[in-house]
Amino acid sequence: MKCHAFVACNKIIIDKDGAHSIIEIMLNAEIRAVRTAVVGNNNSTTIEIPPNAVSPQVWWLYTQWEPSSQDVGEDFEQVFQVYWPNGDKFAETRLQFNQKDDKMNQTSFFFGGFPLGQEGKLRLLTWLDHHGHSSEVIESFVMIKHVRIPASQQQGVYTS
């Protein structure tokens, strides 16, 4: 099997025939850190994002595989891994499928939370396991950036 695509995306719609529609490929994620100011005082504090923060957002990993003639009728296990920018593993999951014919195969898996607590490259890895052998490891990433917004540029975000 040869991988032709491996991307993170915001949403995938899968039709009744299994065709995938990819919605909003994720290349970068800007996380806005809020600064709060005390009314009547120029002091402001930044609310820090914890390094293990995860947003309750569903997001997807999508791959497209081209089978060889030897792959038809075979069972595969696809491994997906996600690593925080500091190198710690965020998640790993496995997806089993059978390559029924010689047509391109699309696979996808969703996660119920997006890791946003660390700036840098969120590393995404995938590969296929087949009869004890692993394919080439395919890598992608989403660049995470934290943007601190000064209290003066926010509307209605004040605490006392």
C-alpha atoms as a PDB file:
ATOM      1  CA  MET A   1       0.000   0.000   0.000  1.00  0.00           C
ATOM      2  CA  LYS A   2       1.260   3.440  -0.881  1.00  0.00           C
ATOM      3  CA  CYS A   3       0.092   6.502   1.055  1.00  0.00           C
ATOM      4  CA  HIS A   4      -0.978   9.441  -1.128  1.00  0.00           C
ATOM      5  CA  ALA A   5      -2.479  11.712   1.545  1.00  0.00           C
ATOM      6  CA  PHE A   6      -2.265  12.151   5.313  1.00  0.00           C
ATOM      7  CA  VAL A   7      -3.863  15.282   6.777  1.00  0.00           C
ATOM      8  CA  ALA A   8      -5.560  16.598   9.883  1.00  0.00           C
ATOM      9  CA  CYS A   9      -8.894  18.251   9.247  1.00  0.00           C
ATOM     10  CA  ASN A  10     -11.717  19.915  11.094  1.00  0.00           C
ATOM     11  CA  LYS A  11     -14.466  17.674   9.732  1.00  0.00           C
ATOM     12  CA  ILE A  12     -15.076  14.761   7.385  1.00  0.00           C
ATOM     13  CA  ILE A  13     -18.363  13.834   5.763  1.00  0.00           C
ATOM     14  CA  ILE A  14     -18.596  10.209   4.628  1.00  0.00           C
ATOM     15  CA  ASP A  15     -21.324   9.321   2.126  1.00  0.00           C
ATOM     16  CA  LYS A  16     -23.223   6.033   1.944  1.00  0.00           C
ATOM     17  CA  ASP A  17     -20.624   4.615  -0.485  1.00  0.00           C
ATOM     18  CA  GLY A  18     -17.716   5.461   1.843  1.00  0.00           C
ATOM     19  CA  ALA A  19     -16.408   8.470  -0.117  1.00  0.00           C
ATOM     20  CA  HIS A  20     -14.844  11.070   2.186  1.00  0.00           C
ATOM     21  CA  SER A  21     -15.293  14.837   1.889  1.00  0.00           C
ATOM     22  CA  ILE A  22     -12.541  16.664   3.779  1.00  0.00           C
ATOM     23  CA  ILE A  23     -13.600  19.944   5.391  1.00  0.00           C
ATOM     24  CA  GLU A  24     -10.927  22.495   6.395  1.00  0.00           C
ATOM     25  CA  ILE A  25      -7.467  20.933   6.392  1.00  0.00           C
ATOM     26  CA  MET A  26      -5.637  21.950   9.571  1.00  0.00           C
ATOM     27  CA  LEU A  27      -2.144  23.326   8.977  1.00  0.00           C
ATOM     28  CA  ASN A  28      -2.003  25.862  11.817  1.00  0.00           C
ATOM     29  CA  ALA A  29      -3.953  26.475  15.002  1.00  0.00           C
ATOM     30  CA  GLU A  30      -3.898  29.872  16.708  1.00  0.00           C
ATOM     31  CA  ILE A  31      -4.918  29.707  20.338  1.00  0.00           C
ATOM     32  CA  ARG A  32      -5.876  33.079  21.782  1.00  0.00           C
ATOM     33  CA  ALA A  33      -4.863  33.583  25.400  1.00  0.00           C
ATOM     34  CA  VAL A  34      -7.074  36.115  27.156  1.00  0.00           C
ATOM     35  CA  ARG A  35      -5.715  38.949  29.269  1.00  0.00           C
ATOM     36  CA  THR A  36      -8.010  40.286  31.934  1.00  0.00           C
ATOM     37  CA  ALA A  37      -7.910  43.754  33.453  1.00  0.00           C
ATOM     38  CA  VAL A  38      -9.341  45.013  36.715  1.00  0.00           C
ATOM     39  CA  VAL A  39     -11.878  47.828  36.220  1.00  0.00           C
ATOM     40  CA  GLY A  40     -10.394  51.181  37.278  1.00  0.00           C
ATOM     41  CA  ASN A  41      -6.851  49.857  37.311  1.00  0.00           C
ATOM     42  CA  ASN A  42      -4.238  49.509  34.564  1.00  0.00           C
ATOM     43  CA  ASN A  43      -3.091  46.145  35.891  1.00  0.00           C
ATOM     44  CA  SER A  44      -3.750  43.151  33.675  1.00  0.00           C
ATOM     45  CA  THR A  45      -2.923  39.502  33.987  1.00  0.00           C
ATOM     46  CA  THR A  46      -2.554  36.848  31.336  1.00  0.00           C
ATOM     47  CA  ILE A  47      -4.487  33.653  31.810  1.00  0.00           C
ATOM     48  CA  GLU A  48      -1.869  31.020  31.048  1.00  0.00           C
ATOM     49  CA  ILE A  49      -2.804  27.971  29.030  1.00  0.00           C
ATOM     50  CA  PRO A  50      -1.870  24.784  30.915  1.00  0.00           C
ATOM     51  CA  PRO A  51       0.613  22.647  28.924  1.00  0.00           C
ATOM     52  CA  ASN A  52      -1.817  19.696  28.954  1.00  0.00           C
ATOM     53  CA  ALA A  53      -4.863  21.738  27.845  1.00  0.00           C
ATOM     54  CA  VAL A  54      -7.215  19.992  25.426  1.00  0.00           C
ATOM     55  CA  SER A  55     -10.139  21.718  23.730  1.00  0.00           C
ATOM     56  CA  PRO A  56     -13.431  19.794  23.468  1.00  0.00           C
ATOM     57  CA  GLN A  57     -13.235  19.919  19.670  1.00  0.00           C
ATOM     58  CA  VAL A  58     -13.709  16.897  17.416  1.00  0.00           C
ATOM     59  CA  TRP A  59     -11.044  16.712  14.686  1.00  0.00           C
ATOM     60  CA  TRP A  60     -10.008  14.064  12.173  1.00  0.00           C
ATOM     61  CA  LEU A  61      -7.001  12.350  10.633  1.00  0.00           C
ATOM     62  CA  TYR A  62      -7.488  11.265   7.013  1.00  0.00           C
ATOM     63  CA  THR A  63      -5.390   9.014   4.776  1.00  0.00           C
ATOM     64  CA  GLN A  64      -5.635   7.783   1.223  1.00  0.00           C
ATOM     65  CA  TRP A  65      -3.939   4.503   0.289  1.00  0.00           C
ATOM     66  CA  GLU A  66      -3.201   3.033  -3.148  1.00  0.00           C
ATOM     67  CA  PRO A  67      -3.175  -0.769  -3.042  1.00  0.00           C
ATOM     68  CA  SER A  68      -0.961  -3.058  -5.064  1.00  0.00           C
ATOM     69  CA  SER A  69      -2.389  -6.213  -6.614  1.00  0.00           C
ATOM     70  CA  GLN A  70      -0.984  -8.218  -3.663  1.00  0.00           C
ATOM     71  CA  ASP A  71      -2.967  -6.072  -1.186  1.00  0.00           C
ATOM     72  CA  VAL A  72      -6.415  -7.021  -2.545  1.00  0.00           C
ATOM     73  CA  GLY A  73      -8.338  -9.162  -0.047  1.00  0.00           C
ATOM     74  CA  GLU A  74      -5.788  -8.560   2.724  1.00  0.00           C
ATOM     75  CA  ASP A  75      -6.427  -7.277   6.264  1.00  0.00           C
ATOM     76  CA  PHE A  76      -4.501  -4.255   7.539  1.00  0.00           C
ATOM     77  CA  GLU A  77      -4.235  -2.429  10.821  1.00  0.00           C
ATOM     78  CA  GLN A  78      -3.564   1.291  10.579  1.00  0.00           C
ATOM     79  CA  VAL A  79      -1.861   2.984  13.515  1.00  0.00           C
ATOM     80  CA  PHE A  80      -2.432   6.678  14.259  1.00  0.00           C
ATOM     81  CA  GLN A  81      -0.231   8.488  16.803  1.00  0.00           C
ATOM     82  CA  VAL A  82      -0.350  12.106  17.954  1.00  0.00           C
ATOM     83  CA  TYR A  83       2.516  13.738  19.879  1.00  0.00           C
ATOM     84  CA  TRP A  84       2.568  16.983  21.835  1.00  0.00           C
ATOM     85  CA  PRO A  85       5.201  19.534  20.701  1.00  0.00           C
ATOM     86  CA  ASN A  86       7.395  18.502  23.687  1.00  0.00           C
ATOM     87  CA  GLY A  87       7.500  14.907  22.357  1.00  0.00           C
ATOM     88  CA  ASP A  88       5.080  13.296  24.836  1.00  0.00           C
ATOM     89  CA  LYS A  89       2.470  11.000  23.299  1.00  0.00           C
ATOM     90  CA  PHE A  90      -1.034  12.492  23.300  1.00  0.00           C
ATOM     91  CA  ALA A  91      -2.903   9.568  21.729  1.00  0.00           C
ATOM     92  CA  GLU A  92      -2.577   6.316  19.823  1.00  0.00           C
ATOM     93  CA  THR A  93      -5.322   4.351  18.153  1.00  0.00           C
ATOM     94  CA  ARG A  94      -5.598   1.494  15.689  1.00  0.00           C
ATOM     95  CA  LEU A  95      -8.066   0.994  12.858  1.00  0.00           C
ATOM     96  CA  GLN A  96      -8.551  -2.357  11.126  1.00  0.00           C
ATOM     97  CA  PHE A  97      -9.717  -2.625   7.533  1.00  0.00           C
ATOM     98  CA  ASN A  98      -9.813  -5.062   4.646  1.00  0.00           C
ATOM     99  CA  GLN A  99      -8.648  -4.010   1.184  1.00  0.00           C
ATOM    100  CA  LYS A 100     -11.608  -5.430  -0.775  1.00  0.00           C
ATOM    101  CA  ASP A 101     -10.523  -4.412  -4.292  1.00  0.00           C
ATOM    102  CA  ASP A 102      -7.846  -2.564  -6.262  1.00  0.00           C
ATOM    103  CA  LYS A 103      -9.431   0.885  -5.775  1.00  0.00           C
ATOM    104  CA  MET A 104      -7.982   3.698  -3.665  1.00  0.00           C
ATOM    105  CA  ASN A 105      -8.819   3.278  -0.002  1.00  0.00           C
ATOM    106  CA  GLN A 106      -9.746   6.157   2.290  1.00  0.00           C
ATOM    107  CA  THR A 107      -9.454   5.829   6.054  1.00  0.00           C
ATOM    108  CA  SER A 108     -10.255   8.317   8.765  1.00  0.00           C
ATOM    109  CA  PHE A 109     -10.351   8.516  12.528  1.00  0.00           C
ATOM    110  CA  PHE A 110     -11.679  11.246  14.795  1.00  0.00           C
ATOM    111  CA  PHE A 111     -10.450  12.439  18.165  1.00  0.00           C
ATOM    112  CA  GLY A 112     -12.770  13.966  20.771  1.00  0.00           C
ATOM    113  CA  GLY A 113     -10.313  16.626  21.945  1.00  0.00           C
ATOM    114  CA  PHE A 114      -7.689  18.825  20.323  1.00  0.00           C
ATOM    115  CA  PRO A 115      -4.363  19.233  22.218  1.00  0.00           C
ATOM    116  CA  LEU A 116      -3.697  22.980  22.373  1.00  0.00           C
ATOM    117  CA  GLY A 117      -1.663  23.472  25.544  1.00  0.00           C
ATOM    118  CA  GLN A 118       1.806  23.637  23.948  1.00  0.00           C
ATOM    119  CA  GLU A 119       3.194  25.798  21.175  1.00  0.00           C
ATOM    120  CA  GLY A 120       5.052  24.145  18.331  1.00  0.00           C
ATOM    121  CA  LYS A 121       4.524  21.171  16.016  1.00  0.00           C
ATOM    122  CA  LEU A 122       1.780  18.743  16.959  1.00  0.00           C
ATOM    123  CA  ARG A 123       3.268  15.623  15.307  1.00  0.00           C
ATOM    124  CA  LEU A 124       0.948  13.214  13.531  1.00  0.00           C
ATOM    125  CA  LEU A 125       2.163   9.743  12.532  1.00  0.00           C
ATOM    126  CA  THR A 126       0.541   6.826  10.745  1.00  0.00           C
ATOM    127  CA  TRP A 127       1.566   3.505   9.256  1.00  0.00           C
ATOM    128  CA  LEU A 128       0.106   0.113   8.350  1.00  0.00           C
ATOM    129  CA  ASP A 129       0.779  -3.189  10.099  1.00  0.00           C
ATOM    130  CA  HIS A 130       0.287  -6.268   7.933  1.00  0.00           C
ATOM    131  CA  HIS A 131       1.209  -9.845   8.957  1.00  0.00           C
ATOM    132  CA  GLY A 132       3.848  -8.617  11.405  1.00  0.00           C
ATOM    133  CA  HIS A 133       5.405  -6.126   8.999  1.00  0.00           C
ATOM    134  CA  SER A 134       5.088  -2.342   9.200  1.00  0.00           C
ATOM    135  CA  SER A 135       4.904   0.045   6.283  1.00  0.00           C
ATOM    136  CA  GLU A 136       6.821   3.288   6.032  1.00  0.00           C
ATOM    137  CA  VAL A 137       5.880   5.777   8.773  1.00  0.00           C
ATOM    138  CA  ILE A 138       4.059   8.788   7.305  1.00  0.00           C
ATOM    139  CA  GLU A 139       4.349  12.058   9.220  1.00  0.00           C
ATOM    140  CA  SER A 140       2.383  15.286   9.168  1.00  0.00           C
ATOM    141  CA  PHE A 141       1.868  18.088  11.665  1.00  0.00           C
ATOM    142  CA  VAL A 142      -0.252  20.998  12.812  1.00  0.00           C
ATOM    143  CA  MET A 143       1.630  24.102  14.003  1.00  0.00           C
ATOM    144  CA  ILE A 144       0.220  25.390  17.306  1.00  0.00           C
ATOM    145  CA  LYS A 145       0.739  29.057  18.196  1.00  0.00           C
ATOM    146  CA  HIS A 146      -0.432  30.892  21.318  1.00  0.00           C
ATOM    147  CA  VAL A 147      -1.437  34.512  20.737  1.00  0.00           C
ATOM    148  CA  ARG A 148      -1.774  36.770  23.755  1.00  0.00           C
ATOM    149  CA  ILE A 149      -4.405  39.462  23.297  1.00  0.00           C
ATOM    150  CA  PRO A 150      -3.916  42.641  25.369  1.00  0.00           C
ATOM    151  CA  ALA A 151      -6.925  43.631  27.464  1.00  0.00           C
ATOM    152  CA  SER A 152      -7.128  46.923  25.548  1.00  0.00           C
ATOM    153  CA  GLN A 153      -7.896  44.990  22.325  1.00  0.00           C
ATOM    154  CA  GLN A 154     -10.687  42.911  23.816  1.00  0.00           C
ATOM    155  CA  GLN A 155     -14.305  43.877  24.065  1.00  0.00           C
ATOM    156  CA  GLY A 156     -16.202  43.160  27.247  1.00  0.00           C
ATOM    157  CA  VAL A 157     -13.623  40.888  28.871  1.00  0.00           C
ATOM    158  CA  TYR A 158     -13.203  42.500  32.288  1.00  0.00           C
ATOM    159  CA  THR A 159     -13.299  41.055  35.772  1.00  0.00           C
ATOM    160  CA  SER A 160     -13.351  42.758  39.133  1.00  0.00           C
END
